[in-house]
C-alpha cells in the first residue's frame, strides 16, 4: 500500500512541478527517487531485527 501511495504522490508532484515550469526530466527524476526510496525502505524493513517472518 505504501508503494501505491508513494507512486501517486510522486506523480502529483511531477505534474505540479512540470506545470510551474520545471523541466519534465528533472521532475520525473525526483518522482522516481521518491518511489525508489519507499520501495527500498519496504525491502529493508523485512530484514530488521524484531520483525516477524511469518
PDB file of N, CA and C in Angstrom:
ATOM      1  N   UNK A   1       0.816  -1.184   0.000  1.00  0.00           N
ATOM      2  CA  UNK A   1       0.000   0.000   0.000  1.00  0.00           C
ATOM      3  C   UNK A   1       0.869   1.262   0.000  1.00  0.00           C
ATOM      4  N   UNK A   2       1.981   1.214   0.709  1.00  0.00           N
ATOM      5  CA  UNK A   2       2.849   2.388   0.789  1.00  0.00           C
ATOM      6  C   UNK A   2       3.449   2.729  -0.565  1.00  0.00           C
ATOM      7  N   UNK A   3       3.770   1.728  -1.359  1.00  0.00           N
ATOM      8  CA  UNK A   3       4.349   1.986  -2.670  1.00  0.00           C
ATOM      9  C   UNK A   3       3.309   2.627  -3.586  1.00  0.00           C
ATOM     10  N   UNK A   4       2.064   2.211  -3.476  1.00  0.00           N
ATOM     11  CA  UNK A   4       0.999   2.801  -4.282  1.00  0.00           C
ATOM     12  C   UNK A   4       0.781   4.261  -3.919  1.00  0.00           C
ATOM     13  N   UNK A   5       0.768   4.558  -2.634  1.00  0.00           N
ATOM     14  CA  UNK A   5       0.593   5.942  -2.182  1.00  0.00           C
ATOM     15  C   UNK A   5       1.782   6.794  -2.608  1.00  0.00           C
ATOM     16  N   UNK A   6       2.982   6.252  -2.485  1.00  0.00           N
ATOM     17  CA  UNK A   6       4.176   6.997  -2.888  1.00  0.00           C
ATOM     18  C   UNK A   6       4.188   7.258  -4.388  1.00  0.00           C
ATOM     19  N   UNK A   7       3.756   6.289  -5.168  1.00  0.00           N
ATOM     20  CA  UNK A   7       3.700   6.477  -6.616  1.00  0.00           C
ATOM     21  C   UNK A   7       2.693   7.554  -6.991  1.00  0.00           C
ATOM     22  N   UNK A   8       1.522   7.515  -6.364  1.00  0.00           N
ATOM     23  CA  UNK A   8       0.510   8.531  -6.650  1.00  0.00           C
ATOM     24  C   UNK A   8       0.991   9.921  -6.235  1.00  0.00           C
ATOM     25  N   UNK A   9       1.604  10.020  -5.075  1.00  0.00           N
ATOM     26  CA  UNK A   9       2.115  11.317  -4.611  1.00  0.00           C
ATOM     27  C   UNK A   9       3.243  11.807  -5.508  1.00  0.00           C
ATOM     28  N   UNK A  10       4.106  10.910  -5.942  1.00  0.00           N
ATOM     29  CA  UNK A  10       5.209  11.298  -6.816  1.00  0.00           C
ATOM     30  C   UNK A  10       4.693  11.793  -8.161  1.00  0.00           C
ATOM     31  N   UNK A  11       3.656  11.167  -8.676  1.00  0.00           N
ATOM     32  CA  UNK A  11       3.084  11.626  -9.946  1.00  0.00           C
ATOM     33  C   UNK A  11       2.409  12.984  -9.793  1.00  0.00           C
ATOM     34  N   UNK A  12       1.765  13.210  -8.668  1.00  0.00           N
ATOM     35  CA  UNK A  12       1.168  14.525  -8.413  1.00  0.00           C
ATOM     36  C   UNK A  12       2.259  15.581  -8.332  1.00  0.00           C
ATOM     37  N   UNK A  13       3.346  15.277  -7.627  1.00  0.00           N
ATOM     38  CA  UNK A  13       4.465  16.213  -7.526  1.00  0.00           C
ATOM     39  C   UNK A  13       5.052  16.474  -8.906  1.00  0.00           C
ATOM     40  N   UNK A  14       5.171  15.428  -9.735  1.00  0.00           N
ATOM     41  CA  UNK A  14       5.705  15.589 -11.082  1.00  0.00           C
ATOM     42  C   UNK A  14       4.843  16.521 -11.916  1.00  0.00           C
ATOM     43  N   UNK A  15       3.535  16.346 -11.877  1.00  0.00           N
ATOM     44  CA  UNK A  15       2.634  17.195 -12.656  1.00  0.00           C
ATOM     45  C   UNK A  15       2.706  18.643 -12.180  1.00  0.00           C
ATOM     46  N   UNK A  16       2.725  18.848 -10.864  1.00  0.00           N
ATOM     47  CA  UNK A  16       2.784  20.206 -10.325  1.00  0.00           C
ATOM     48  C   UNK A  16       4.092  20.880 -10.719  1.00  0.00           C
ATOM     49  N   UNK A  17       5.198  20.177 -10.560  1.00  0.00           N
ATOM     50  CA  UNK A  17       6.486  20.775 -10.901  1.00  0.00           C
ATOM     51  C   UNK A  17       6.575  21.065 -12.397  1.00  0.00           C
ATOM     52  N   UNK A  18       6.048  20.180 -13.223  1.00  0.00           N
ATOM     53  CA  UNK A  18       6.070  20.360 -14.666  1.00  0.00           C
ATOM     54  C   UNK A  18       5.205  21.544 -15.071  1.00  0.00           C
ATOM     55  N   UNK A  19       4.086  21.738 -14.389  1.00  0.00           N
ATOM     56  CA  UNK A  19       3.182  22.832 -14.748  1.00  0.00           C
ATOM     57  C   UNK A  19       3.720  24.201 -14.330  1.00  0.00           C
ATOM     58  N   UNK A  20       4.598  24.266 -13.331  1.00  0.00           N
ATOM     59  CA  UNK A  20       5.152  25.562 -12.928  1.00  0.00           C
ATOM     60  C   UNK A  20       6.432  25.903 -13.685  1.00  0.00           C
ATOM     61  N   UNK A  21       6.860  25.029 -14.594  1.00  0.00           N
ATOM     62  CA  UNK A  21       7.966  25.387 -15.461  1.00  0.00           C
ATOM     63  C   UNK A  21       9.249  24.612 -15.259  1.00  0.00           C
ATOM     64  N   UNK A  22       9.271  23.693 -14.335  1.00  0.00           N
ATOM     65  CA  UNK A  22      10.468  22.861 -14.158  1.00  0.00           C
ATOM     66  C   UNK A  22      10.466  21.814 -15.269  1.00  0.00           C
ATOM     67  N   UNK A  23      11.620  21.528 -15.795  1.00  0.00           N
ATOM     68  CA  UNK A  23      11.683  20.579 -16.905  1.00  0.00           C
ATOM     69  C   UNK A  23      11.147  19.213 -16.484  1.00  0.00           C
ATOM     70  N   UNK A  24      10.489  18.551 -17.415  1.00  0.00           N
ATOM     71  CA  UNK A  24       9.832  17.276 -17.128  1.00  0.00           C
ATOM     72  C   UNK A  24      10.824  16.213 -16.673  1.00  0.00           C
ATOM     73  N   UNK A  25      12.014  16.215 -17.245  1.00  0.00           N
ATOM     74  CA  UNK A  25      13.013  15.213 -16.861  1.00  0.00           C
ATOM     75  C   UNK A  25      13.452  15.399 -15.416  1.00  0.00           C
ATOM     76  N   UNK A  26      13.687  16.639 -15.011  1.00  0.00           N
ATOM     77  CA  UNK A  26      14.092  16.903 -13.631  1.00  0.00           C
ATOM     78  C   UNK A  26      12.990  16.511 -12.652  1.00  0.00           C
ATOM     79  N   UNK A  27      11.757  16.839 -12.976  1.00  0.00           N
ATOM     80  CA  UNK A  27      10.640  16.492 -12.104  1.00  0.00           C
ATOM     81  C   UNK A  27      10.440  14.984 -12.046  1.00  0.00           C
ATOM     82  N   UNK A  28      10.636  14.305 -13.172  1.00  0.00           N
ATOM     83  CA  UNK A  28      10.454  12.851 -13.166  1.00  0.00           C
ATOM     84  C   UNK A  28      11.550  12.152 -12.383  1.00  0.00           C
ATOM     85  N   UNK A  29      12.772  12.716 -12.380  1.00  0.00           N
ATOM     86  CA  UNK A  29      13.831  12.118 -11.569  1.00  0.00           C
ATOM     87  C   UNK A  29      13.513  12.230 -10.082  1.00  0.00           C
ATOM     88  N   UNK A  30      12.925  13.336  -9.669  1.00  0.00           N
ATOM     89  CA  UNK A  30      12.509  13.472  -8.271  1.00  0.00           C
ATOM     90  C   UNK A  30      11.404  12.470  -7.946  1.00  0.00           C
ATOM     91  N   UNK A  31      10.443  12.316  -8.842  1.00  0.00           N
ATOM     92  CA  UNK A  31       9.364  11.346  -8.625  1.00  0.00           C
ATOM     93  C   UNK A  31       9.917   9.929  -8.544  1.00  0.00           C
ATOM     94  N   UNK A  32      10.852   9.608  -9.405  1.00  0.00           N
ATOM     95  CA  UNK A  32      11.464   8.281  -9.381  1.00  0.00           C
ATOM     96  C   UNK A  32      12.240   8.055  -8.088  1.00  0.00           C
ATOM     97  N   UNK A  33      12.919   9.084  -7.613  1.00  0.00           N
ATOM     98  CA  UNK A  33      13.671   8.973  -6.356  1.00  0.00           C
ATOM     99  C   UNK A  33      12.736   8.698  -5.187  1.00  0.00           C
ATOM    100  N   UNK A  34      11.578   9.337  -5.161  1.00  0.00           N
ATOM    101  CA  UNK A  34      10.616   9.113  -4.079  1.00  0.00           C
ATOM    102  C   UNK A  34      10.138   7.666  -4.089  1.00  0.00           C
ATOM    103  N   UNK A  35       9.783   7.169  -5.255  1.00  0.00           N
ATOM    104  CA  UNK A  35       9.293   5.786  -5.356  1.00  0.00           C
ATOM    105  C   UNK A  35      10.394   4.797  -4.987  1.00  0.00           C
ATOM    106  N   UNK A  36      11.620   5.040  -5.434  1.00  0.00           N
ATOM    107  CA  UNK A  36      12.722   4.136  -5.106  1.00  0.00           C
ATOM    108  C   UNK A  36      13.042   4.136  -3.610  1.00  0.00           C
ATOM    109  N   UNK A  37      12.973   5.292  -2.967  1.00  0.00           N
ATOM    110  CA  UNK A  37      13.219   5.345  -1.524  1.00  0.00           C
ATOM    111  C   UNK A  37      12.174   4.564  -0.741  1.00  0.00           C
ATOM    112  N   UNK A  38      10.922   4.689  -1.124  1.00  0.00           N
ATOM    113  CA  UNK A  38       9.867   3.950  -0.423  1.00  0.00           C
ATOM    114  C   UNK A  38      10.007   2.452  -0.670  1.00  0.00           C
ATOM    115  N   UNK A  39      10.289   2.063  -1.897  1.00  0.00           N
ATOM    116  CA  UNK A  39      10.457   0.634  -2.194  1.00  0.00           C
ATOM    117  C   UNK A  39      11.653   0.050  -1.454  1.00  0.00           C
ATOM    118  N   UNK A  40      12.748   0.798  -1.408  1.00  0.00           N
ATOM    119  CA  UNK A  40      13.930   0.343  -0.675  1.00  0.00           C
ATOM    120  C   UNK A  40      13.633   0.224   0.815  1.00  0.00           C
ATOM    121  N   UNK A  41      12.902   1.186   1.349  1.00  0.00           N
ATOM    122  CA  UNK A  41      12.520   1.125   2.759  1.00  0.00           C
ATOM    123  C   UNK A  41      11.670  -0.090   3.081  1.00  0.00           C
ATOM    124  N   UNK A  42      10.744  -0.422   2.180  1.00  0.00           N
ATOM    125  CA  UNK A  42       9.905  -1.613   2.397  1.00  0.00           C
ATOM    126  C   UNK A  42      10.738  -2.887   2.387  1.00  0.00           C
ATOM    127  N   UNK A  43      11.710  -2.961   1.504  1.00  0.00           N
ATOM    128  CA  UNK A  43      12.555  -4.148   1.436  1.00  0.00           C
ATOM    129  C   UNK A  43      13.426  -4.258   2.681  1.00  0.00           C
ATOM    130  N   UNK A  44      14.001  -3.150   3.107  1.00  0.00           N
ATOM    131  CA  UNK A  44      14.885  -3.157   4.277  1.00  0.00           C
ATOM    132  C   UNK A  44      14.109  -3.488   5.545  1.00  0.00           C
ATOM    133  N   UNK A  45      12.863  -3.037   5.640  1.00  0.00           N
ATOM    134  CA  UNK A  45      12.067  -3.294   6.844  1.00  0.00           C
ATOM    135  C   UNK A  45      11.872  -4.789   7.102  1.00  0.00           C
ATOM    136  N   UNK A  46      11.896  -5.592   6.056  1.00  0.00           N
ATOM    137  CA  UNK A  46      11.735  -7.042   6.223  1.00  0.00           C
ATOM    138  C   UNK A  46      12.874  -7.661   7.022  1.00  0.00           C
ATOM    139  N   UNK A  47      14.051  -7.091   6.922  1.00  0.00           N
ATOM    140  CA  UNK A  47      15.239  -7.704   7.498  1.00  0.00           C
ATOM    141  C   UNK A  47      15.681  -7.088   8.813  1.00  0.00           C
ATOM    142  N   UNK A  48      14.938  -6.135   9.335  1.00  0.00           N
ATOM    143  CA  UNK A  48      15.297  -5.538  10.615  1.00  0.00           C
ATOM    144  C   UNK A  48      14.987  -6.492  11.756  1.00  0.00           C
ATOM    145  N   UNK A  49      15.772  -6.463  12.826  1.00  0.00           N
ATOM    146  CA  UNK A  49      15.503  -7.338  13.960  1.00  0.00           C
ATOM    147  C   UNK A  49      14.167  -6.978  14.606  1.00  0.00           C
ATOM    148  N   UNK A  50      13.513  -7.993  15.126  1.00  0.00           N
ATOM    149  CA  UNK A  50      12.251  -7.785  15.810  1.00  0.00           C
ATOM    150  C   UNK A  50      11.044  -7.894  14.907  1.00  0.00           C
ATOM    151  N   UNK A  51      11.259  -8.127  13.629  1.00  0.00           N
ATOM    152  CA  UNK A  51      10.151  -8.284  12.688  1.00  0.00           C
ATOM    153  C   UNK A  51       9.801  -9.762  12.578  1.00  0.00           C
ATOM    154  N   UNK A  52       8.529 -10.105  12.567  1.00  0.00           N
ATOM    155  CA  UNK A  52       8.111 -11.497  12.383  1.00  0.00           C
ATOM    156  C   UNK A  52       8.338 -11.911  10.949  1.00  0.00           C
ATOM    157  N   UNK A  53       8.753 -13.126  10.751  1.00  0.00           N
ATOM    158  CA  UNK A  53       8.998 -13.621   9.405  1.00  0.00           C
ATOM    159  C   UNK A  53       7.888 -14.545   8.957  1.00  0.00           C
ATOM    160  N   UNK A  54       6.678 -14.254   9.372  1.00  0.00           N
ATOM    161  CA  UNK A  54       5.540 -15.128   9.032  1.00  0.00           C
ATOM    162  C   UNK A  54       5.050 -14.911   7.637  1.00  0.00           C
TER     163      UNK A  54
END
